[in-house]
Amino acid sequence: MDLKTRKRLSLLILLLGLPGYIVIAWMLLAWIDDTWGRLPIWGELLVVVGLGILWILPFKRVFSGIGKGEE
């Protein structure tokens, strides 16, 4: 995949994927609160960080080298 395509795809992922991640993380934490009760703050932090790492892993190849110039 060429650099121009990866830049456009990464912008699309950040504009649509990141807000989608925030909504899903928020809904998951609300569901956990309703089901098992409120998690301690460190538990919520672990869930959010875990989800943040999970959503970016499939797109690692798209985001690699985006900051570099055309060669």
PDB file of N, CA and C in Angstrom:
ATOM      1  N   MET A   1       0.851  -1.160   0.000  1.00  0.00           N
ATOM      2  CA  MET A   1       0.000   0.000   0.000  1.00  0.00           C
ATOM      3  C   MET A   1       0.910   1.240   0.000  1.00  0.00           C
ATOM      4  N   ASP A   2       0.628   2.177  -0.880  1.00  0.00           N
ATOM      5  CA  ASP A   2       1.493   3.347  -0.956  1.00  0.00           C
ATOM      6  C   ASP A   2       1.196   4.336   0.174  1.00  0.00           C
ATOM      7  N   LEU A   3       2.097   5.287   0.361  1.00  0.00           N
ATOM      8  CA  LEU A   3       2.033   6.209   1.492  1.00  0.00           C
ATOM      9  C   LEU A   3       0.791   7.090   1.445  1.00  0.00           C
ATOM     10  N   LYS A   4       0.410   7.555   0.275  1.00  0.00           N
ATOM     11  CA  LYS A   4      -0.760   8.423   0.140  1.00  0.00           C
ATOM     12  C   LYS A   4      -2.028   7.694   0.572  1.00  0.00           C
ATOM     13  N   THR A   5      -2.166   6.448   0.195  1.00  0.00           N
ATOM     14  CA  THR A   5      -3.328   5.655   0.579  1.00  0.00           C
ATOM     15  C   THR A   5      -3.334   5.402   2.078  1.00  0.00           C
ATOM     16  N   ARG A   6      -2.180   5.102   2.649  1.00  0.00           N
ATOM     17  CA  ARG A   6      -2.097   4.861   4.087  1.00  0.00           C
ATOM     18  C   ARG A   6      -2.419   6.121   4.880  1.00  0.00           C
ATOM     19  N   LYS A   7      -1.989   7.291   4.388  1.00  0.00           N
ATOM     20  CA  LYS A   7      -2.313   8.543   5.069  1.00  0.00           C
ATOM     21  C   LYS A   7      -3.814   8.801   5.070  1.00  0.00           C
ATOM     22  N   ARG A   8      -4.450   8.583   3.942  1.00  0.00           N
ATOM     23  CA  ARG A   8      -5.903   8.779   3.864  1.00  0.00           C
ATOM     24  C   ARG A   8      -6.649   7.768   4.729  1.00  0.00           C
ATOM     25  N   LEU A   9      -6.206   6.531   4.703  1.00  0.00           N
ATOM     26  CA  LEU A   9      -6.838   5.496   5.504  1.00  0.00           C
ATOM     27  C   LEU A   9      -6.647   5.758   6.994  1.00  0.00           C
ATOM     28  N   SER A  10      -5.457   6.208   7.382  1.00  0.00           N
ATOM     29  CA  SER A  10      -5.219   6.494   8.794  1.00  0.00           C
ATOM     30  C   SER A  10      -6.075   7.665   9.272  1.00  0.00           C
ATOM     31  N   LEU A  11      -6.272   8.669   8.436  1.00  0.00           N
ATOM     32  CA  LEU A  11      -7.140   9.782   8.787  1.00  0.00           C
ATOM     33  C   LEU A  11      -8.585   9.305   8.959  1.00  0.00           C
ATOM     34  N   LEU A  12      -9.031   8.452   8.070  1.00  0.00           N
ATOM     35  CA  LEU A  12     -10.377   7.891   8.179  1.00  0.00           C
ATOM     36  C   LEU A  12     -10.534   7.058   9.451  1.00  0.00           C
ATOM     37  N   ILE A  13      -9.532   6.278   9.769  1.00  0.00           N
ATOM     38  CA  ILE A  13      -9.575   5.461  10.984  1.00  0.00           C
ATOM     39  C   ILE A  13      -9.637   6.345  12.217  1.00  0.00           C
ATOM     40  N   LEU A  14      -8.846   7.412  12.233  1.00  0.00           N
ATOM     41  CA  LEU A  14      -8.847   8.298  13.396  1.00  0.00           C
ATOM     42  C   LEU A  14     -10.140   9.089  13.522  1.00  0.00           C
ATOM     43  N   LEU A  15     -10.737   9.470  12.400  1.00  0.00           N
ATOM     44  CA  LEU A  15     -11.970  10.249  12.462  1.00  0.00           C
ATOM     45  C   LEU A  15     -13.191   9.405  12.790  1.00  0.00           C
ATOM     46  N   LEU A  16     -13.187   8.149  12.371  1.00  0.00           N
ATOM     47  CA  LEU A  16     -14.336   7.280  12.634  1.00  0.00           C
ATOM     48  C   LEU A  16     -14.054   6.225  13.700  1.00  0.00           C
ATOM     49  N   GLY A  17     -12.858   5.674  13.685  1.00  0.00           N
ATOM     50  CA  GLY A  17     -12.530   4.590  14.612  1.00  0.00           C
ATOM     51  C   GLY A  17     -12.337   5.043  16.038  1.00  0.00           C
ATOM     52  N   LEU A  18     -11.670   6.166  16.230  1.00  0.00           N
ATOM     53  CA  LEU A  18     -11.421   6.646  17.583  1.00  0.00           C
ATOM     54  C   LEU A  18     -12.711   7.045  18.298  1.00  0.00           C
ATOM     55  N   PRO A  19     -13.611   7.818  17.682  1.00  0.00           N
ATOM     56  CA  PRO A  19     -14.893   8.070  18.361  1.00  0.00           C
ATOM     57  C   PRO A  19     -15.696   6.789  18.587  1.00  0.00           C
ATOM     58  N   GLY A  20     -15.604   5.857  17.653  1.00  0.00           N
ATOM     59  CA  GLY A  20     -16.282   4.572  17.844  1.00  0.00           C
ATOM     60  C   GLY A  20     -15.722   3.811  19.024  1.00  0.00           C
ATOM     61  N   TYR A  21     -14.404   3.844  19.188  1.00  0.00           N
ATOM     62  CA  TYR A  21     -13.763   3.210  20.343  1.00  0.00           C
ATOM     63  C   TYR A  21     -14.238   3.847  21.642  1.00  0.00           C
ATOM     64  N   ILE A  22     -14.326   5.164  21.654  1.00  0.00           N
ATOM     65  CA  ILE A  22     -14.754   5.859  22.871  1.00  0.00           C
ATOM     66  C   ILE A  22     -16.173   5.454  23.248  1.00  0.00           C
ATOM     67  N   VAL A  23     -17.053   5.382  22.262  1.00  0.00           N
ATOM     68  CA  VAL A  23     -18.440   4.989  22.532  1.00  0.00           C
ATOM     69  C   VAL A  23     -18.507   3.552  23.032  1.00  0.00           C
ATOM     70  N   ILE A  24     -17.774   2.649  22.407  1.00  0.00           N
ATOM     71  CA  ILE A  24     -17.789   1.236  22.823  1.00  0.00           C
ATOM     72  C   ILE A  24     -17.200   1.074  24.219  1.00  0.00           C
ATOM     73  N   ALA A  25     -16.101   1.778  24.506  1.00  0.00           N
ATOM     74  CA  ALA A  25     -15.494   1.693  25.842  1.00  0.00           C
ATOM     75  C   ALA A  25     -16.449   2.234  26.894  1.00  0.00           C
ATOM     76  N   TRP A  26     -17.111   3.319  26.595  1.00  0.00           N
ATOM     77  CA  TRP A  26     -18.065   3.920  27.514  1.00  0.00           C
ATOM     78  C   TRP A  26     -19.237   2.963  27.775  1.00  0.00           C
ATOM     79  N   MET A  27     -19.767   2.360  26.715  1.00  0.00           N
ATOM     80  CA  MET A  27     -20.881   1.414  26.865  1.00  0.00           C
ATOM     81  C   MET A  27     -20.451   0.166  27.630  1.00  0.00           C
ATOM     82  N   LEU A  28     -19.236  -0.318  27.387  1.00  0.00           N
ATOM     83  CA  LEU A  28     -18.741  -1.493  28.094  1.00  0.00           C
ATOM     84  C   LEU A  28     -18.581  -1.209  29.581  1.00  0.00           C
ATOM     85  N   LEU A  29     -18.026  -0.062  29.923  1.00  0.00           N
ATOM     86  CA  LEU A  29     -17.884   0.288  31.334  1.00  0.00           C
ATOM     87  C   LEU A  29     -19.236   0.479  32.001  1.00  0.00           C
ATOM     88  N   ALA A  30     -20.207   1.051  31.292  1.00  0.00           N
ATOM     89  CA  ALA A  30     -21.556   1.197  31.845  1.00  0.00           C
ATOM     90  C   ALA A  30     -22.202  -0.168  32.058  1.00  0.00           C
ATOM     91  N   TRP A  31     -21.982  -1.075  31.123  1.00  0.00           N
ATOM     92  CA  TRP A  31     -22.533  -2.424  31.264  1.00  0.00           C
ATOM     93  C   TRP A  31     -21.905  -3.142  32.453  1.00  0.00           C
ATOM     94  N   ILE A  32     -20.582  -2.995  32.610  1.00  0.00           N
ATOM     95  CA  ILE A  32     -19.900  -3.612  33.749  1.00  0.00           C
ATOM     96  C   ILE A  32     -20.424  -3.024  35.056  1.00  0.00           C
ATOM     97  N   ASP A  33     -20.624  -1.706  35.102  1.00  0.00           N
ATOM     98  CA  ASP A  33     -21.169  -1.068  36.302  1.00  0.00           C
ATOM     99  C   ASP A  33     -22.554  -1.592  36.638  1.00  0.00           C
ATOM    100  N   ASP A  34     -23.397  -1.776  35.615  1.00  0.00           N
ATOM    101  CA  ASP A  34     -24.761  -2.271  35.854  1.00  0.00           C
ATOM    102  C   ASP A  34     -24.771  -3.735  36.262  1.00  0.00           C
ATOM    103  N   THR A  35     -23.857  -4.523  35.710  1.00  0.00           N
ATOM    104  CA  THR A  35     -23.866  -5.956  35.947  1.00  0.00           C
ATOM    105  C   THR A  35     -23.193  -6.328  37.259  1.00  0.00           C
ATOM    106  N   TRP A  36     -21.972  -5.872  37.472  1.00  0.00           N
ATOM    107  CA  TRP A  36     -21.189  -6.305  38.635  1.00  0.00           C
ATOM    108  C   TRP A  36     -20.966  -5.214  39.663  1.00  0.00           C
ATOM    109  N   GLY A  37     -21.465  -4.046  39.434  1.00  0.00           N
ATOM    110  CA  GLY A  37     -21.189  -2.935  40.327  1.00  0.00           C
ATOM    111  C   GLY A  37     -19.973  -2.163  39.848  1.00  0.00           C
ATOM    112  N   ARG A  38     -19.766  -1.039  40.471  1.00  0.00           N
ATOM    113  CA  ARG A  38     -18.678  -0.152  40.033  1.00  0.00           C
ATOM    114  C   ARG A  38     -17.310  -0.770  40.301  1.00  0.00           C
ATOM    115  N   LEU A  39     -16.444  -0.694  39.280  1.00  0.00           N
ATOM    116  CA  LEU A  39     -15.063  -1.143  39.411  1.00  0.00           C
ATOM    117  C   LEU A  39     -14.253  -0.076  40.139  1.00  0.00           C
ATOM    118  N   PRO A  40     -13.202  -0.483  40.796  1.00  0.00           N
ATOM    119  CA  PRO A  40     -12.281   0.531  41.323  1.00  0.00           C
ATOM    120  C   PRO A  40     -11.656   1.309  40.165  1.00  0.00           C
ATOM    121  N   ILE A  41     -11.142   2.478  40.457  1.00  0.00           N
ATOM    122  CA  ILE A  41     -10.604   3.335  39.398  1.00  0.00           C
ATOM    123  C   ILE A  41      -9.480   2.655  38.639  1.00  0.00           C
ATOM    124  N   TRP A  42      -8.646   1.866  39.320  1.00  0.00           N
ATOM    125  CA  TRP A  42      -7.562   1.165  38.624  1.00  0.00           C
ATOM    126  C   TRP A  42      -8.121   0.091  37.704  1.00  0.00           C
ATOM    127  N   GLY A  43      -9.273  -0.502  38.054  1.00  0.00           N
ATOM    128  CA  GLY A  43      -9.911  -1.495  37.186  1.00  0.00           C
ATOM    129  C   GLY A  43     -10.452  -0.865  35.923  1.00  0.00           C
ATOM    130  N   GLU A  44     -11.080   0.306  36.084  1.00  0.00           N
ATOM    131  CA  GLU A  44     -11.571   1.021  34.908  1.00  0.00           C
ATOM    132  C   GLU A  44     -10.415   1.443  34.009  1.00  0.00           C
ATOM    133  N   LEU A  45      -9.336   1.883  34.616  1.00  0.00           N
ATOM    134  CA  LEU A  45      -8.163   2.281  33.847  1.00  0.00           C
ATOM    135  C   LEU A  45      -7.607   1.107  33.051  1.00  0.00           C
ATOM    136  N   LEU A  46      -7.538  -0.051  33.673  1.00  0.00           N
ATOM    137  CA  LEU A  46      -7.048  -1.242  32.969  1.00  0.00           C
ATOM    138  C   LEU A  46      -7.947  -1.616  31.796  1.00  0.00           C
ATOM    139  N   VAL A  47      -9.264  -1.511  31.980  1.00  0.00           N
ATOM    140  CA  VAL A  47     -10.193  -1.832  30.893  1.00  0.00           C
ATOM    141  C   VAL A  47     -10.013  -0.864  29.729  1.00  0.00           C
ATOM    142  N   VAL A  48      -9.936   0.425  30.025  1.00  0.00           N
ATOM    143  CA  VAL A  48      -9.809   1.430  28.965  1.00  0.00           C
ATOM    144  C   VAL A  48      -8.467   1.300  28.238  1.00  0.00           C
ATOM    145  N   VAL A  49      -7.395   1.110  28.986  1.00  0.00           N
ATOM    146  CA  VAL A  49      -6.082   0.945  28.352  1.00  0.00           C
ATOM    147  C   VAL A  49      -6.048  -0.342  27.523  1.00  0.00           C
ATOM    148  N   GLY A  50      -6.626  -1.413  28.043  1.00  0.00           N
ATOM    149  CA  GLY A  50      -6.688  -2.668  27.301  1.00  0.00           C
ATOM    150  C   GLY A  50      -7.459  -2.524  26.001  1.00  0.00           C
ATOM    151  N   LEU A  51      -8.603  -1.852  26.059  1.00  0.00           N
ATOM    152  CA  LEU A  51      -9.374  -1.630  24.838  1.00  0.00           C
ATOM    153  C   LEU A  51      -8.628  -0.714  23.861  1.00  0.00           C
ATOM    154  N   GLY A  52      -7.893   0.255  24.399  1.00  0.00           N
ATOM    155  CA  GLY A  52      -7.116   1.142  23.536  1.00  0.00           C
ATOM    156  C   GLY A  52      -6.025   0.412  22.793  1.00  0.00           C
ATOM    157  N   ILE A  53      -5.415  -0.534  23.450  1.00  0.00           N
ATOM    158  CA  ILE A  53      -4.371  -1.325  22.790  1.00  0.00           C
ATOM    159  C   ILE A  53      -5.004  -2.291  21.793  1.00  0.00           C
ATOM    160  N   LEU A  54      -6.128  -2.877  22.150  1.00  0.00           N
ATOM    161  CA  LEU A  54      -6.770  -3.849  21.256  1.00  0.00           C
ATOM    162  C   LEU A  54      -7.268  -3.223  19.956  1.00  0.00           C
ATOM    163  N   TRP A  55      -7.799  -2.004  20.006  1.00  0.00           N
ATOM    164  CA  TRP A  55      -8.356  -1.443  18.777  1.00  0.00           C
ATOM    165  C   TRP A  55      -7.268  -0.966  17.824  1.00  0.00           C
ATOM    166  N   ILE A  56      -6.089  -0.633  18.342  1.00  0.00           N
ATOM    167  CA  ILE A  56      -5.053  -0.115  17.458  1.00  0.00           C
ATOM    168  C   ILE A  56      -4.194  -1.226  16.839  1.00  0.00           C
ATOM    169  N   LEU A  57      -4.141  -2.395  17.451  1.00  0.00           N
ATOM    170  CA  LEU A  57      -3.289  -3.474  16.944  1.00  0.00           C
ATOM    171  C   LEU A  57      -3.572  -3.863  15.488  1.00  0.00           C
ATOM    172  N   PRO A  58      -4.823  -3.984  15.074  1.00  0.00           N
ATOM    173  CA  PRO A  58      -5.047  -4.341  13.665  1.00  0.00           C
ATOM    174  C   PRO A  58      -4.594  -3.264  12.678  1.00  0.00           C
ATOM    175  N   PHE A  59      -4.496  -2.007  13.142  1.00  0.00           N
ATOM    176  CA  PHE A  59      -4.145  -0.900  12.251  1.00  0.00           C
ATOM    177  C   PHE A  59      -2.683  -0.491  12.364  1.00  0.00           C
ATOM    178  N   LYS A  60      -1.878  -1.272  13.059  1.00  0.00           N
ATOM    179  CA  LYS A  60      -0.469  -0.933  13.265  1.00  0.00           C
ATOM    180  C   LYS A  60       0.256  -0.761  11.926  1.00  0.00           C
ATOM    181  N   ARG A  61      -0.026  -1.610  10.998  1.00  0.00           N
ATOM    182  CA  ARG A  61       0.635  -1.549   9.689  1.00  0.00           C
ATOM    183  C   ARG A  61       0.229  -0.296   8.913  1.00  0.00           C
ATOM    184  N   VAL A  62      -1.009   0.149   9.085  1.00  0.00           N
ATOM    185  CA  VAL A  62      -1.469   1.350   8.385  1.00  0.00           C
ATOM    186  C   VAL A  62      -0.764   2.591   8.937  1.00  0.00           C
ATOM    187  N   PHE A  63      -0.601   2.649  10.257  1.00  0.00           N
ATOM    188  CA  PHE A  63      -0.036   3.839  10.878  1.00  0.00           C
ATOM    189  C   PHE A  63       1.492   3.885  10.841  1.00  0.00           C
ATOM    190  N   SER A  64       2.143   2.804  10.523  1.00  0.00           N
ATOM    191  CA  SER A  64       3.611   2.809  10.528  1.00  0.00           C
ATOM    192  C   SER A  64       4.139   3.620   9.339  1.00  0.00           C
ATOM    193  N   GLY A  65       4.995   4.583   9.625  1.00  0.00           N
ATOM    194  CA  GLY A  65       5.623   5.389   8.589  1.00  0.00           C
ATOM    195  C   GLY A  65       4.796   6.543   8.070  1.00  0.00           C
ATOM    196  N   ILE A  66       3.706   6.870   8.723  1.00  0.00           N
ATOM    197  CA  ILE A  66       2.850   7.961   8.247  1.00  0.00           C
ATOM    198  C   ILE A  66       3.550   9.310   8.370  1.00  0.00           C
ATOM    199  N   GLY A  67       4.351   9.506   9.423  1.00  0.00           N
ATOM    200  CA  GLY A  67       5.025  10.768   9.632  1.00  0.00           C
ATOM    201  C   GLY A  67       6.215  11.003   8.719  1.00  0.00           C
ATOM    202  N   LYS A  68       6.635   9.989   8.007  1.00  0.00           N
ATOM    203  CA  LYS A  68       7.779  10.124   7.099  1.00  0.00           C
ATOM    204  C   LYS A  68       7.347  10.792   5.802  1.00  0.00           C
ATOM    205  N   GLY A  69       8.270  11.448   5.159  1.00  0.00           N
ATOM    206  CA  GLY A  69       7.984  12.074   3.868  1.00  0.00           C
ATOM    207  C   GLY A  69       8.009  11.066   2.736  1.00  0.00           C
ATOM    208  N   GLU A  70       7.640  11.528   1.577  1.00  0.00           N
ATOM    209  CA  GLU A  70       7.693  10.683   0.377  1.00  0.00           C
ATOM    210  C   GLU A  70       9.148  10.347   0.069  1.00  0.00           C
ATOM    211  N   GLU A  71       9.379   9.133  -0.315  1.00  0.00           N
ATOM    212  CA  GLU A  71      10.750   8.711  -0.649  1.00  0.00           C
ATOM    213  C   GLU A  71      10.906   8.537  -2.128  1.00  0.00           C
TER     214      GLU A  71
END
